[in-house]
Amino acid sequence: VSVFLSIFQRYMIHMPLRHDLTLAALFAG
């Protein structure tokens, strides 16, 4: 988990969904 956290932070895909937190919560869950 720590290794992948480091990798995904370095090569992040920007997909901000703050305008639709319902969708963000669904994806996160």
mmCIF file of all heavy atoms, coordinates in Angstrom:
data_MODEL
# 
_entry.id   MODEL 
# 
loop_
_atom_site.group_PDB 
_atom_site.id 
_atom_site.type_symbol 
_atom_site.label_atom_id 
_atom_site.label_alt_id 
_atom_site.label_comp_id 
_atom_site.label_asym_id 
_atom_site.label_entity_id 
_atom_site.label_seq_id 
_atom_site.pdbx_PDB_ins_code 
_atom_site.Cartn_x 
_atom_site.Cartn_y 
_atom_site.Cartn_z 
_atom_site.occupancy 
_atom_site.B_iso_or_equiv 
_atom_site.pdbx_formal_charge 
_atom_site.auth_seq_id 
_atom_site.auth_comp_id 
_atom_site.auth_asym_id 
_atom_site.auth_atom_id 
_atom_site.pdbx_PDB_model_num 
ATOM 1   N N   . VAL A 1 1  ? 0.842   -1.202 0.000   1.00 0.00 ? 1  VAL A N   1 
ATOM 2   C CA  . VAL A 1 1  ? 0.000   0.000  0.000   1.00 0.00 ? 1  VAL A CA  1 
ATOM 3   C C   . VAL A 1 1  ? 0.872   1.244  0.000   1.00 0.00 ? 1  VAL A C   1 
ATOM 4   O O   . VAL A 1 1  ? 0.632   2.199  -0.762  1.00 0.00 ? 1  VAL A O   1 
ATOM 5   C CB  . VAL A 1 1  ? -0.959  -0.001 1.212   1.00 0.00 ? 1  VAL A CB  1 
ATOM 6   C CG1 . VAL A 1 1  ? -1.586  1.376  1.398   1.00 0.00 ? 1  VAL A CG1 1 
ATOM 7   C CG2 . VAL A 1 1  ? -2.052  -1.037 1.020   1.00 0.00 ? 1  VAL A CG2 1 
ATOM 8   N N   . SER A 1 2  ? 1.907   1.281  0.851   1.00 0.00 ? 2  SER A N   1 
ATOM 9   C CA  . SER A 1 2  ? 2.793   2.447  0.907   1.00 0.00 ? 2  SER A CA  1 
ATOM 10  C C   . SER A 1 2  ? 3.536   2.643  -0.410  1.00 0.00 ? 2  SER A C   1 
ATOM 11  O O   . SER A 1 2  ? 3.693   3.775  -0.892  1.00 0.00 ? 2  SER A O   1 
ATOM 12  C CB  . SER A 1 2  ? 3.796   2.292  2.056   1.00 0.00 ? 2  SER A CB  1 
ATOM 13  O OG  . SER A 1 2  ? 3.163   2.505  3.303   1.00 0.00 ? 2  SER A OG  1 
ATOM 14  N N   . VAL A 1 3  ? 3.986   1.548  -1.011  1.00 0.00 ? 3  VAL A N   1 
ATOM 15  C CA  . VAL A 1 3  ? 4.698   1.644  -2.293  1.00 0.00 ? 3  VAL A CA  1 
ATOM 16  C C   . VAL A 1 3  ? 3.772   2.197  -3.368  1.00 0.00 ? 3  VAL A C   1 
ATOM 17  O O   . VAL A 1 3  ? 4.145   3.105  -4.127  1.00 0.00 ? 3  VAL A O   1 
ATOM 18  C CB  . VAL A 1 3  ? 5.242   0.264  -2.719  1.00 0.00 ? 3  VAL A CB  1 
ATOM 19  C CG1 . VAL A 1 3  ? 5.768   0.315  -4.157  1.00 0.00 ? 3  VAL A CG1 1 
ATOM 20  C CG2 . VAL A 1 3  ? 6.356   -0.185 -1.777  1.00 0.00 ? 3  VAL A CG2 1 
ATOM 21  N N   . PHE A 1 4  ? 2.557   1.664  -3.447  1.00 0.00 ? 4  PHE A N   1 
ATOM 22  C CA  . PHE A 1 4  ? 1.617   2.124  -4.475  1.00 0.00 ? 4  PHE A CA  1 
ATOM 23  C C   . PHE A 1 4  ? 1.147   3.559  -4.204  1.00 0.00 ? 4  PHE A C   1 
ATOM 24  O O   . PHE A 1 4  ? 0.909   4.320  -5.145  1.00 0.00 ? 4  PHE A O   1 
ATOM 25  C CB  . PHE A 1 4  ? 0.426   1.179  -4.568  1.00 0.00 ? 4  PHE A CB  1 
ATOM 26  C CG  . PHE A 1 4  ? 0.717   -0.096 -5.303  1.00 0.00 ? 4  PHE A CG  1 
ATOM 27  C CD1 . PHE A 1 4  ? 0.617   -1.328 -4.665  1.00 0.00 ? 4  PHE A CD1 1 
ATOM 28  C CD2 . PHE A 1 4  ? 1.097   -0.064 -6.638  1.00 0.00 ? 4  PHE A CD2 1 
ATOM 29  C CE1 . PHE A 1 4  ? 0.897   -2.502 -5.347  1.00 0.00 ? 4  PHE A CE1 1 
ATOM 30  C CE2 . PHE A 1 4  ? 1.378   -1.235 -7.330  1.00 0.00 ? 4  PHE A CE2 1 
ATOM 31  C CZ  . PHE A 1 4  ? 1.279   -2.460 -6.687  1.00 0.00 ? 4  PHE A CZ  1 
ATOM 32  N N   . LEU A 1 5  ? 1.030   3.924  -2.928  1.00 0.00 ? 5  LEU A N   1 
ATOM 33  C CA  . LEU A 1 5  ? 0.702   5.322  -2.615  1.00 0.00 ? 5  LEU A CA  1 
ATOM 34  C C   . LEU A 1 5  ? 1.770   6.257  -3.156  1.00 0.00 ? 5  LEU A C   1 
ATOM 35  O O   . LEU A 1 5  ? 1.476   7.316  -3.729  1.00 0.00 ? 5  LEU A O   1 
ATOM 36  C CB  . LEU A 1 5  ? 0.563   5.504  -1.091  1.00 0.00 ? 5  LEU A CB  1 
ATOM 37  C CG  . LEU A 1 5  ? -0.746  5.062  -0.452  1.00 0.00 ? 5  LEU A CG  1 
ATOM 38  C CD1 . LEU A 1 5  ? -0.638  5.144  1.072   1.00 0.00 ? 5  LEU A CD1 1 
ATOM 39  C CD2 . LEU A 1 5  ? -1.919  5.906  -0.936  1.00 0.00 ? 5  LEU A CD2 1 
ATOM 40  N N   . SER A 1 6  ? 3.020   5.869  -2.958  1.00 0.00 ? 6  SER A N   1 
ATOM 41  C CA  . SER A 1 6  ? 4.125   6.679  -3.455  1.00 0.00 ? 6  SER A CA  1 
ATOM 42  C C   . SER A 1 6  ? 4.114   6.763  -4.978  1.00 0.00 ? 6  SER A C   1 
ATOM 43  O O   . SER A 1 6  ? 4.306   7.832  -5.564  1.00 0.00 ? 6  SER A O   1 
ATOM 44  C CB  . SER A 1 6  ? 5.456   6.091  -2.967  1.00 0.00 ? 6  SER A CB  1 
ATOM 45  O OG  . SER A 1 6  ? 6.543   6.855  -3.429  1.00 0.00 ? 6  SER A OG  1 
ATOM 46  N N   . ILE A 1 7  ? 3.861   5.621  -5.639  1.00 0.00 ? 7  ILE A N   1 
ATOM 47  C CA  . ILE A 1 7  ? 3.843   5.581  -7.104  1.00 0.00 ? 7  ILE A CA  1 
ATOM 48  C C   . ILE A 1 7  ? 2.710   6.433  -7.668  1.00 0.00 ? 7  ILE A C   1 
ATOM 49  O O   . ILE A 1 7  ? 2.912   7.250  -8.578  1.00 0.00 ? 7  ILE A O   1 
ATOM 50  C CB  . ILE A 1 7  ? 3.701   4.124  -7.603  1.00 0.00 ? 7  ILE A CB  1 
ATOM 51  C CG1 . ILE A 1 7  ? 4.964   3.327  -7.272  1.00 0.00 ? 7  ILE A CG1 1 
ATOM 52  C CG2 . ILE A 1 7  ? 3.426   4.096  -9.114  1.00 0.00 ? 7  ILE A CG2 1 
ATOM 53  C CD1 . ILE A 1 7  ? 4.846   1.849  -7.569  1.00 0.00 ? 7  ILE A CD1 1 
ATOM 54  N N   . PHE A 1 8  ? 1.498   6.274  -7.107  1.00 0.00 ? 8  PHE A N   1 
ATOM 55  C CA  . PHE A 1 8  ? 0.346   6.994  -7.650  1.00 0.00 ? 8  PHE A CA  1 
ATOM 56  C C   . PHE A 1 8  ? 0.411   8.495  -7.358  1.00 0.00 ? 8  PHE A C   1 
ATOM 57  O O   . PHE A 1 8  ? -0.143  9.301  -8.106  1.00 0.00 ? 8  PHE A O   1 
ATOM 58  C CB  . PHE A 1 8  ? -0.951  6.402  -7.107  1.00 0.00 ? 8  PHE A CB  1 
ATOM 59  C CG  . PHE A 1 8  ? -1.278  5.041  -7.666  1.00 0.00 ? 8  PHE A CG  1 
ATOM 60  C CD1 . PHE A 1 8  ? -1.677  4.002  -6.827  1.00 0.00 ? 8  PHE A CD1 1 
ATOM 61  C CD2 . PHE A 1 8  ? -1.173  4.796  -9.022  1.00 0.00 ? 8  PHE A CD2 1 
ATOM 62  C CE1 . PHE A 1 8  ? -1.966  2.750  -7.339  1.00 0.00 ? 8  PHE A CE1 1 
ATOM 63  C CE2 . PHE A 1 8  ? -1.461  3.542  -9.550  1.00 0.00 ? 8  PHE A CE2 1 
ATOM 64  C CZ  . PHE A 1 8  ? -1.858  2.516  -8.709  1.00 0.00 ? 8  PHE A CZ  1 
ATOM 65  N N   . GLN A 1 9  ? 1.081   8.869  -6.263  1.00 0.00 ? 9  GLN A N   1 
ATOM 66  C CA  . GLN A 1 9  ? 1.277   10.299 -6.013  1.00 0.00 ? 9  GLN A CA  1 
ATOM 67  C C   . GLN A 1 9  ? 2.258   10.902 -7.007  1.00 0.00 ? 9  GLN A C   1 
ATOM 68  O O   . GLN A 1 9  ? 2.121   12.060 -7.408  1.00 0.00 ? 9  GLN A O   1 
ATOM 69  C CB  . GLN A 1 9  ? 1.781   10.520 -4.579  1.00 0.00 ? 9  GLN A CB  1 
ATOM 70  C CG  . GLN A 1 9  ? 0.729   10.330 -3.516  1.00 0.00 ? 9  GLN A CG  1 
ATOM 71  C CD  . GLN A 1 9  ? 1.264   10.612 -2.130  1.00 0.00 ? 9  GLN A CD  1 
ATOM 72  O OE1 . GLN A 1 9  ? 1.236   11.751 -1.662  1.00 0.00 ? 9  GLN A OE1 1 
ATOM 73  N NE2 . GLN A 1 9  ? 1.771   9.580  -1.460  1.00 0.00 ? 9  GLN A NE2 1 
ATOM 74  N N   . ARG A 1 10 ? 3.232   10.102 -7.416  1.00 0.00 ? 10 ARG A N   1 
ATOM 75  C CA  . ARG A 1 10 ? 4.233   10.597 -8.364  1.00 0.00 ? 10 ARG A CA  1 
ATOM 76  C C   . ARG A 1 10 ? 3.665   10.647 -9.782  1.00 0.00 ? 10 ARG A C   1 
ATOM 77  O O   . ARG A 1 10 ? 3.955   11.574 -10.547 1.00 0.00 ? 10 ARG A O   1 
ATOM 78  C CB  . ARG A 1 10 ? 5.464   9.697  -8.317  1.00 0.00 ? 10 ARG A CB  1 
ATOM 79  C CG  . ARG A 1 10 ? 6.580   10.125 -9.260  1.00 0.00 ? 10 ARG A CG  1 
ATOM 80  C CD  . ARG A 1 10 ? 7.840   9.316  -9.018  1.00 0.00 ? 10 ARG A CD  1 
ATOM 81  N NE  . ARG A 1 10 ? 8.357   9.513  -7.661  1.00 0.00 ? 10 ARG A NE  1 
ATOM 82  C CZ  . ARG A 1 10 ? 9.478   8.946  -7.201  1.00 0.00 ? 10 ARG A CZ  1 
ATOM 83  N NH1 . ARG A 1 10 ? 10.185  8.150  -7.996  1.00 0.00 ? 10 ARG A NH1 1 
ATOM 84  N NH2 . ARG A 1 10 ? 9.880   9.161  -5.971  1.00 0.00 ? 10 ARG A NH2 1 
ATOM 85  N N   . TYR A 1 11 ? 2.863   9.621  -10.138 1.00 0.00 ? 11 TYR A N   1 
ATOM 86  C CA  . TYR A 1 11 ? 2.272   9.568  -11.482 1.00 0.00 ? 11 TYR A CA  1 
ATOM 87  C C   . TYR A 1 11 ? 0.751   9.660  -11.351 1.00 0.00 ? 11 TYR A C   1 
ATOM 88  O O   . TYR A 1 11 ? 0.016   8.732  -11.664 1.00 0.00 ? 11 TYR A O   1 
ATOM 89  C CB  . TYR A 1 11 ? 2.683   8.277  -12.177 1.00 0.00 ? 11 TYR A CB  1 
ATOM 90  C CG  . TYR A 1 11 ? 4.176   8.098  -12.276 1.00 0.00 ? 11 TYR A CG  1 
ATOM 91  C CD1 . TYR A 1 11 ? 4.850   7.256  -11.398 1.00 0.00 ? 11 TYR A CD1 1 
ATOM 92  C CD2 . TYR A 1 11 ? 4.917   8.799  -13.226 1.00 0.00 ? 11 TYR A CD2 1 
ATOM 93  C CE1 . TYR A 1 11 ? 6.227   7.092  -11.475 1.00 0.00 ? 11 TYR A CE1 1 
ATOM 94  C CE2 . TYR A 1 11 ? 6.299   8.644  -13.318 1.00 0.00 ? 11 TYR A CE2 1 
ATOM 95  C CZ  . TYR A 1 11 ? 6.948   7.794  -12.433 1.00 0.00 ? 11 TYR A CZ  1 
ATOM 96  O OH  . TYR A 1 11 ? 8.311   7.644  -12.512 1.00 0.00 ? 11 TYR A OH  1 
ATOM 97  N N   . MET A 1 12 ? 0.305   10.786 -10.868 1.00 0.00 ? 12 MET A N   1 
ATOM 98  C CA  . MET A 1 12 ? -1.117  10.987 -10.551 1.00 0.00 ? 12 MET A CA  1 
ATOM 99  C C   . MET A 1 12 ? -1.929  11.346 -11.799 1.00 0.00 ? 12 MET A C   1 
ATOM 100 O O   . MET A 1 12 ? -1.473  12.097 -12.658 1.00 0.00 ? 12 MET A O   1 
ATOM 101 C CB  . MET A 1 12 ? -1.265  12.099 -9.502  1.00 0.00 ? 12 MET A CB  1 
ATOM 102 C CG  . MET A 1 12 ? -2.683  12.284 -8.993  1.00 0.00 ? 12 MET A CG  1 
ATOM 103 S SD  . MET A 1 12 ? -2.801  13.656 -7.809  1.00 0.00 ? 12 MET A SD  1 
ATOM 104 C CE  . MET A 1 12 ? -1.702  13.089 -6.513  1.00 0.00 ? 12 MET A CE  1 
ATOM 105 N N   . ILE A 1 13 ? -3.119  10.781 -11.871 1.00 0.00 ? 13 ILE A N   1 
ATOM 106 C CA  . ILE A 1 13 ? -4.086  11.152 -12.906 1.00 0.00 ? 13 ILE A CA  1 
ATOM 107 C C   . ILE A 1 13 ? -5.041  12.158 -12.274 1.00 0.00 ? 13 ILE A C   1 
ATOM 108 O O   . ILE A 1 13 ? -5.736  11.836 -11.310 1.00 0.00 ? 13 ILE A O   1 
ATOM 109 C CB  . ILE A 1 13 ? -4.871  9.930  -13.404 1.00 0.00 ? 13 ILE A CB  1 
ATOM 110 C CG1 . ILE A 1 13 ? -3.912  8.865  -13.949 1.00 0.00 ? 13 ILE A CG1 1 
ATOM 111 C CG2 . ILE A 1 13 ? -5.880  10.342 -14.476 1.00 0.00 ? 13 ILE A CG2 1 
ATOM 112 C CD1 . ILE A 1 13 ? -4.597  7.552  -14.282 1.00 0.00 ? 13 ILE A CD1 1 
ATOM 113 N N   . HIS A 1 14 ? -5.076  13.350 -12.765 1.00 0.00 ? 14 HIS A N   1 
ATOM 114 C CA  . HIS A 1 14 ? -5.901  14.382 -12.143 1.00 0.00 ? 14 HIS A CA  1 
ATOM 115 C C   . HIS A 1 14 ? -7.374  14.193 -12.522 1.00 0.00 ? 14 HIS A C   1 
ATOM 116 O O   . HIS A 1 14 ? -7.742  14.277 -13.687 1.00 0.00 ? 14 HIS A O   1 
ATOM 117 C CB  . HIS A 1 14 ? -5.413  15.769 -12.561 1.00 0.00 ? 14 HIS A CB  1 
ATOM 118 C CG  . HIS A 1 14 ? -4.070  16.111 -12.000 1.00 0.00 ? 14 HIS A CG  1 
ATOM 119 N ND1 . HIS A 1 14 ? -3.899  16.514 -10.693 1.00 0.00 ? 14 HIS A ND1 1 
ATOM 120 C CD2 . HIS A 1 14 ? -2.834  16.077 -12.555 1.00 0.00 ? 14 HIS A CD2 1 
ATOM 121 C CE1 . HIS A 1 14 ? -2.612  16.726 -10.471 1.00 0.00 ? 14 HIS A CE1 1 
ATOM 122 N NE2 . HIS A 1 14 ? -1.938  16.468 -11.585 1.00 0.00 ? 14 HIS A NE2 1 
ATOM 123 N N   . MET A 1 15 ? -8.176  13.895 -11.526 1.00 0.00 ? 15 MET A N   1 
ATOM 124 C CA  . MET A 1 15 ? -9.612  13.718 -11.731 1.00 0.00 ? 15 MET A CA  1 
ATOM 125 C C   . MET A 1 15 ? -10.386 14.343 -10.567 1.00 0.00 ? 15 MET A C   1 
ATOM 126 O O   . MET A 1 15 ? -11.105 13.640 -9.847  1.00 0.00 ? 15 MET A O   1 
ATOM 127 C CB  . MET A 1 15 ? -9.961  12.237 -11.901 1.00 0.00 ? 15 MET A CB  1 
ATOM 128 C CG  . MET A 1 15 ? -9.360  11.303 -10.864 1.00 0.00 ? 15 MET A CG  1 
ATOM 129 S SD  . MET A 1 15 ? -9.862  9.586  -11.121 1.00 0.00 ? 15 MET A SD  1 
ATOM 130 C CE  . MET A 1 15 ? -8.961  9.158  -12.598 1.00 0.00 ? 15 MET A CE  1 
ATOM 131 N N   . PRO A 1 16 ? -10.236 15.649 -10.345 1.00 0.00 ? 16 PRO A N   1 
ATOM 132 C CA  . PRO A 1 16 ? -10.939 16.313 -9.241  1.00 0.00 ? 16 PRO A CA  1 
ATOM 133 C C   . PRO A 1 16 ? -12.447 16.280 -9.441  1.00 0.00 ? 16 PRO A C   1 
ATOM 134 O O   . PRO A 1 16 ? -12.957 16.570 -10.525 1.00 0.00 ? 16 PRO A O   1 
ATOM 135 C CB  . PRO A 1 16 ? -10.397 17.741 -9.286  1.00 0.00 ? 16 PRO A CB  1 
ATOM 136 C CG  . PRO A 1 16 ? -9.950  17.932 -10.694 1.00 0.00 ? 16 PRO A CG  1 
ATOM 137 C CD  . PRO A 1 16 ? -9.448  16.600 -11.155 1.00 0.00 ? 16 PRO A CD  1 
ATOM 138 N N   . LEU A 1 17 ? -13.160 15.917 -8.401  1.00 0.00 ? 17 LEU A N   1 
ATOM 139 C CA  . LEU A 1 17 ? -14.626 15.821 -8.472  1.00 0.00 ? 17 LEU A CA  1 
ATOM 140 C C   . LEU A 1 17 ? -15.273 16.626 -7.346  1.00 0.00 ? 17 LEU A C   1 
ATOM 141 O O   . LEU A 1 17 ? -16.346 16.266 -6.864  1.00 0.00 ? 17 LEU A O   1 
ATOM 142 C CB  . LEU A 1 17 ? -15.062 14.350 -8.382  1.00 0.00 ? 17 LEU A CB  1 
ATOM 143 C CG  . LEU A 1 17 ? -14.640 13.441 -9.539  1.00 0.00 ? 17 LEU A CG  1 
ATOM 144 C CD1 . LEU A 1 17 ? -14.939 11.984 -9.206  1.00 0.00 ? 17 LEU A CD1 1 
ATOM 145 C CD2 . LEU A 1 17 ? -15.356 13.835 -10.816 1.00 0.00 ? 17 LEU A CD2 1 
ATOM 146 N N   . ARG A 1 18 ? -14.628 17.712 -6.923  1.00 0.00 ? 18 ARG A N   1 
ATOM 147 C CA  . ARG A 1 18 ? -15.175 18.487 -5.815  1.00 0.00 ? 18 ARG A CA  1 
ATOM 148 C C   . ARG A 1 18 ? -16.511 19.131 -6.176  1.00 0.00 ? 18 ARG A C   1 
ATOM 149 O O   . ARG A 1 18 ? -17.278 19.494 -5.293  1.00 0.00 ? 18 ARG A O   1 
ATOM 150 C CB  . ARG A 1 18 ? -14.173 19.552 -5.377  1.00 0.00 ? 18 ARG A CB  1 
ATOM 151 C CG  . ARG A 1 18 ? -12.922 18.957 -4.731  1.00 0.00 ? 18 ARG A CG  1 
ATOM 152 C CD  . ARG A 1 18 ? -12.142 19.982 -3.944  1.00 0.00 ? 18 ARG A CD  1 
ATOM 153 N NE  . ARG A 1 18 ? -10.919 19.417 -3.400  1.00 0.00 ? 18 ARG A NE  1 
ATOM 154 C CZ  . ARG A 1 18 ? -10.116 20.050 -2.564  1.00 0.00 ? 18 ARG A CZ  1 
ATOM 155 N NH1 . ARG A 1 18 ? -10.404 21.294 -2.183  1.00 0.00 ? 18 ARG A NH1 1 
ATOM 156 N NH2 . ARG A 1 18 ? -9.023  19.480 -2.105  1.00 0.00 ? 18 ARG A NH2 1 
ATOM 157 N N   . HIS A 1 19 ? -16.775 19.289 -7.469  1.00 0.00 ? 19 HIS A N   1 
ATOM 158 C CA  . HIS A 1 19 ? -18.068 19.825 -7.888  1.00 0.00 ? 19 HIS A CA  1 
ATOM 159 C C   . HIS A 1 19 ? -19.159 18.770 -7.753  1.00 0.00 ? 19 HIS A C   1 
ATOM 160 O O   . HIS A 1 19 ? -20.350 19.071 -7.800  1.00 0.00 ? 19 HIS A O   1 
ATOM 161 C CB  . HIS A 1 19 ? -17.991 20.296 -9.342  1.00 0.00 ? 19 HIS A CB  1 
ATOM 162 C CG  . HIS A 1 19 ? -17.708 19.187 -10.317 1.00 0.00 ? 19 HIS A CG  1 
ATOM 163 N ND1 . HIS A 1 19 ? -16.441 18.640 -10.456 1.00 0.00 ? 19 HIS A ND1 1 
ATOM 164 C CD2 . HIS A 1 19 ? -18.512 18.510 -11.163 1.00 0.00 ? 19 HIS A CD2 1 
ATOM 165 C CE1 . HIS A 1 19 ? -16.485 17.678 -11.370 1.00 0.00 ? 19 HIS A CE1 1 
ATOM 166 N NE2 . HIS A 1 19 ? -17.722 17.574 -11.805 1.00 0.00 ? 19 HIS A NE2 1 
ATOM 167 N N   . ASP A 1 20 ? -18.746 17.492 -7.600  1.00 0.00 ? 20 ASP A N   1 
ATOM 168 C CA  . ASP A 1 20 ? -19.704 16.392 -7.455  1.00 0.00 ? 20 ASP A CA  1 
ATOM 169 C C   . ASP A 1 20 ? -19.145 15.405 -6.431  1.00 0.00 ? 20 ASP A C   1 
ATOM 170 O O   . ASP A 1 20 ? -18.641 14.338 -6.775  1.00 0.00 ? 20 ASP A O   1 
ATOM 171 C CB  . ASP A 1 20 ? -19.928 15.704 -8.799  1.00 0.00 ? 20 ASP A CB  1 
ATOM 172 C CG  . ASP A 1 20 ? -21.096 14.715 -8.768  1.00 0.00 ? 20 ASP A CG  1 
ATOM 173 O OD1 . ASP A 1 20 ? -21.598 14.432 -7.664  1.00 0.00 ? 20 ASP A OD1 1 
ATOM 174 O OD2 . ASP A 1 20 ? -21.496 14.234 -9.843  1.00 0.00 ? 20 ASP A OD2 1 
ATOM 175 N N   . LEU A 1 21 ? -19.262 15.770 -5.144  1.00 0.00 ? 21 LEU A N   1 
ATOM 176 C CA  . LEU A 1 21 ? -18.706 14.924 -4.087  1.00 0.00 ? 21 LEU A CA  1 
ATOM 177 C C   . LEU A 1 21 ? -19.460 13.601 -3.933  1.00 0.00 ? 21 LEU A C   1 
ATOM 178 O O   . LEU A 1 21 ? -18.921 12.640 -3.387  1.00 0.00 ? 21 LEU A O   1 
ATOM 179 C CB  . LEU A 1 21 ? -18.708 15.683 -2.759  1.00 0.00 ? 21 LEU A CB  1 
ATOM 180 C CG  . LEU A 1 21 ? -17.616 16.752 -2.592  1.00 0.00 ? 21 LEU A CG  1 
ATOM 181 C CD1 . LEU A 1 21 ? -17.703 17.411 -1.228  1.00 0.00 ? 21 LEU A CD1 1 
ATOM 182 C CD2 . LEU A 1 21 ? -16.231 16.142 -2.799  1.00 0.00 ? 21 LEU A CD2 1 
ATOM 183 N N   . THR A 1 22 ? -20.698 13.565 -4.415  1.00 0.00 ? 22 THR A N   1 
ATOM 184 C CA  . THR A 1 22 ? -21.431 12.296 -4.384  1.00 0.00 ? 22 THR A CA  1 
ATOM 185 C C   . THR A 1 22 ? -20.711 11.263 -5.235  1.00 0.00 ? 22 THR A C   1 
ATOM 186 O O   . THR A 1 22 ? -20.494 10.114 -4.809  1.00 0.00 ? 22 THR A O   1 
ATOM 187 C CB  . THR A 1 22 ? -22.867 12.481 -4.904  1.00 0.00 ? 22 THR A CB  1 
ATOM 188 O OG1 . THR A 1 22 ? -23.548 13.422 -4.079  1.00 0.00 ? 22 THR A OG1 1 
ATOM 189 C CG2 . THR A 1 22 ? -23.622 11.147 -4.879  1.00 0.00 ? 22 THR A CG2 1 
ATOM 190 N N   . LEU A 1 23 ? -20.343 11.660 -6.439  1.00 0.00 ? 23 LEU A N   1 
ATOM 191 C CA  . LEU A 1 23 ? -19.620 10.763 -7.335  1.00 0.00 ? 23 LEU A CA  1 
ATOM 192 C C   . LEU A 1 23 ? -18.246 10.416 -6.765  1.00 0.00 ? 23 LEU A C   1 
ATOM 193 O O   . LEU A 1 23 ? -17.807 9.261  -6.845  1.00 0.00 ? 23 LEU A O   1 
ATOM 194 C CB  . LEU A 1 23 ? -19.472 11.415 -8.713  1.00 0.00 ? 23 LEU A CB  1 
ATOM 195 C CG  . LEU A 1 23 ? -18.995 10.514 -9.858  1.00 0.00 ? 23 LEU A CG  1 
ATOM 196 C CD1 . LEU A 1 23 ? -19.941 9.349  -10.048 1.00 0.00 ? 23 LEU A CD1 1 
ATOM 197 C CD2 . LEU A 1 23 ? -18.884 11.323 -11.148 1.00 0.00 ? 23 LEU A CD2 1 
ATOM 198 N N   . ALA A 1 24 ? -17.579 11.395 -6.176  1.00 0.00 ? 24 ALA A N   1 
ATOM 199 C CA  . ALA A 1 24 ? -16.266 11.150 -5.582  1.00 0.00 ? 24 ALA A CA  1 
ATOM 200 C C   . ALA A 1 24 ? -16.374 10.134 -4.442  1.00 0.00 ? 24 ALA A C   1 
ATOM 201 O O   . ALA A 1 24 ? -15.530 9.228  -4.320  1.00 0.00 ? 24 ALA A O   1 
ATOM 202 C CB  . ALA A 1 24 ? -15.679 12.460 -5.060  1.00 0.00 ? 24 ALA A CB  1 
ATOM 203 N N   . ALA A 1 25 ? -17.405 10.267 -3.617  1.00 0.00 ? 25 ALA A N   1 
ATOM 204 C CA  . ALA A 1 25 ? -17.606 9.343  -2.500  1.00 0.00 ? 25 ALA A CA  1 
ATOM 205 C C   . ALA A 1 25 ? -17.908 7.934  -2.999  1.00 0.00 ? 25 ALA A C   1 
ATOM 206 O O   . ALA A 1 25 ? -17.429 6.941  -2.430  1.00 0.00 ? 25 ALA A O   1 
ATOM 207 C CB  . ALA A 1 25 ? -18.738 9.839  -1.601  1.00 0.00 ? 25 ALA A CB  1 
ATOM 208 N N   . LEU A 1 26 ? -18.708 7.821  -4.062  1.00 0.00 ? 26 LEU A N   1 
ATOM 209 C CA  . LEU A 1 26 ? -19.027 6.517  -4.628  1.00 0.00 ? 26 LEU A CA  1 
ATOM 210 C C   . LEU A 1 26 ? -17.764 5.832  -5.158  1.00 0.00 ? 26 LEU A C   1 
ATOM 211 O O   . LEU A 1 26 ? -17.518 4.650  -4.878  1.00 0.00 ? 26 LEU A O   1 
ATOM 212 C CB  . LEU A 1 26 ? -20.054 6.663  -5.746  1.00 0.00 ? 26 LEU A CB  1 
ATOM 213 C CG  . LEU A 1 26 ? -21.477 7.055  -5.319  1.00 0.00 ? 26 LEU A CG  1 
ATOM 214 C CD1 . LEU A 1 26 ? -22.351 7.312  -6.541  1.00 0.00 ? 26 LEU A CD1 1 
ATOM 215 C CD2 . LEU A 1 26 ? -22.100 5.957  -4.457  1.00 0.00 ? 26 LEU A CD2 1 
ATOM 216 N N   . PHE A 1 27 ? -16.970 6.578  -5.926  1.00 0.00 ? 27 PHE A N   1 
ATOM 217 C CA  . PHE A 1 27 ? -15.731 6.015  -6.458  1.00 0.00 ? 27 PHE A CA  1 
ATOM 218 C C   . PHE A 1 27 ? -14.788 5.617  -5.327  1.00 0.00 ? 27 PHE A C   1 
ATOM 219 O O   . PHE A 1 27 ? -14.175 4.537  -5.358  1.00 0.00 ? 27 PHE A O   1 
ATOM 220 C CB  . PHE A 1 27 ? -15.048 7.026  -7.382  1.00 0.00 ? 27 PHE A CB  1 
ATOM 221 C CG  . PHE A 1 27 ? -15.529 6.964  -8.800  1.00 0.00 ? 27 PHE A CG  1 
ATOM 222 C CD1 . PHE A 1 27 ? -16.108 8.070  -9.398  1.00 0.00 ? 27 PHE A CD1 1 
ATOM 223 C CD2 . PHE A 1 27 ? -15.399 5.801  -9.540  1.00 0.00 ? 27 PHE A CD2 1 
ATOM 224 C CE1 . PHE A 1 27 ? -16.556 8.019  -10.716 1.00 0.00 ? 27 PHE A CE1 1 
ATOM 225 C CE2 . PHE A 1 27 ? -15.836 5.738  -10.859 1.00 0.00 ? 27 PHE A CE2 1 
ATOM 226 C CZ  . PHE A 1 27 ? -16.418 6.851  -11.445 1.00 0.00 ? 27 PHE A CZ  1 
ATOM 227 N N   . ALA A 1 28 ? -14.646 6.494  -4.338  1.00 0.00 ? 28 ALA A N   1 
ATOM 228 C CA  . ALA A 1 28 ? -13.750 6.207  -3.216  1.00 0.00 ? 28 ALA A CA  1 
ATOM 229 C C   . ALA A 1 28 ? -14.189 4.942  -2.480  1.00 0.00 ? 28 ALA A C   1 
ATOM 230 O O   . ALA A 1 28 ? -13.366 4.070  -2.174  1.00 0.00 ? 28 ALA A O   1 
ATOM 231 C CB  . ALA A 1 28 ? -13.718 7.395  -2.257  1.00 0.00 ? 28 ALA A CB  1 
ATOM 232 N N   . GLY A 1 29 ? -15.490 4.839  -2.192  1.00 0.00 ? 29 GLY A N   1 
ATOM 233 C CA  . GLY A 1 29 ? -15.999 3.681  -1.472  1.00 0.00 ? 29 GLY A CA  1 
ATOM 234 C C   . GLY A 1 29 ? -15.803 2.388  -2.235  1.00 0.00 ? 29 GLY A C   1 
ATOM 235 O O   . GLY A 1 29 ? -15.389 1.367  -1.663  1.00 0.00 ? 29 GLY A O   1 
# 
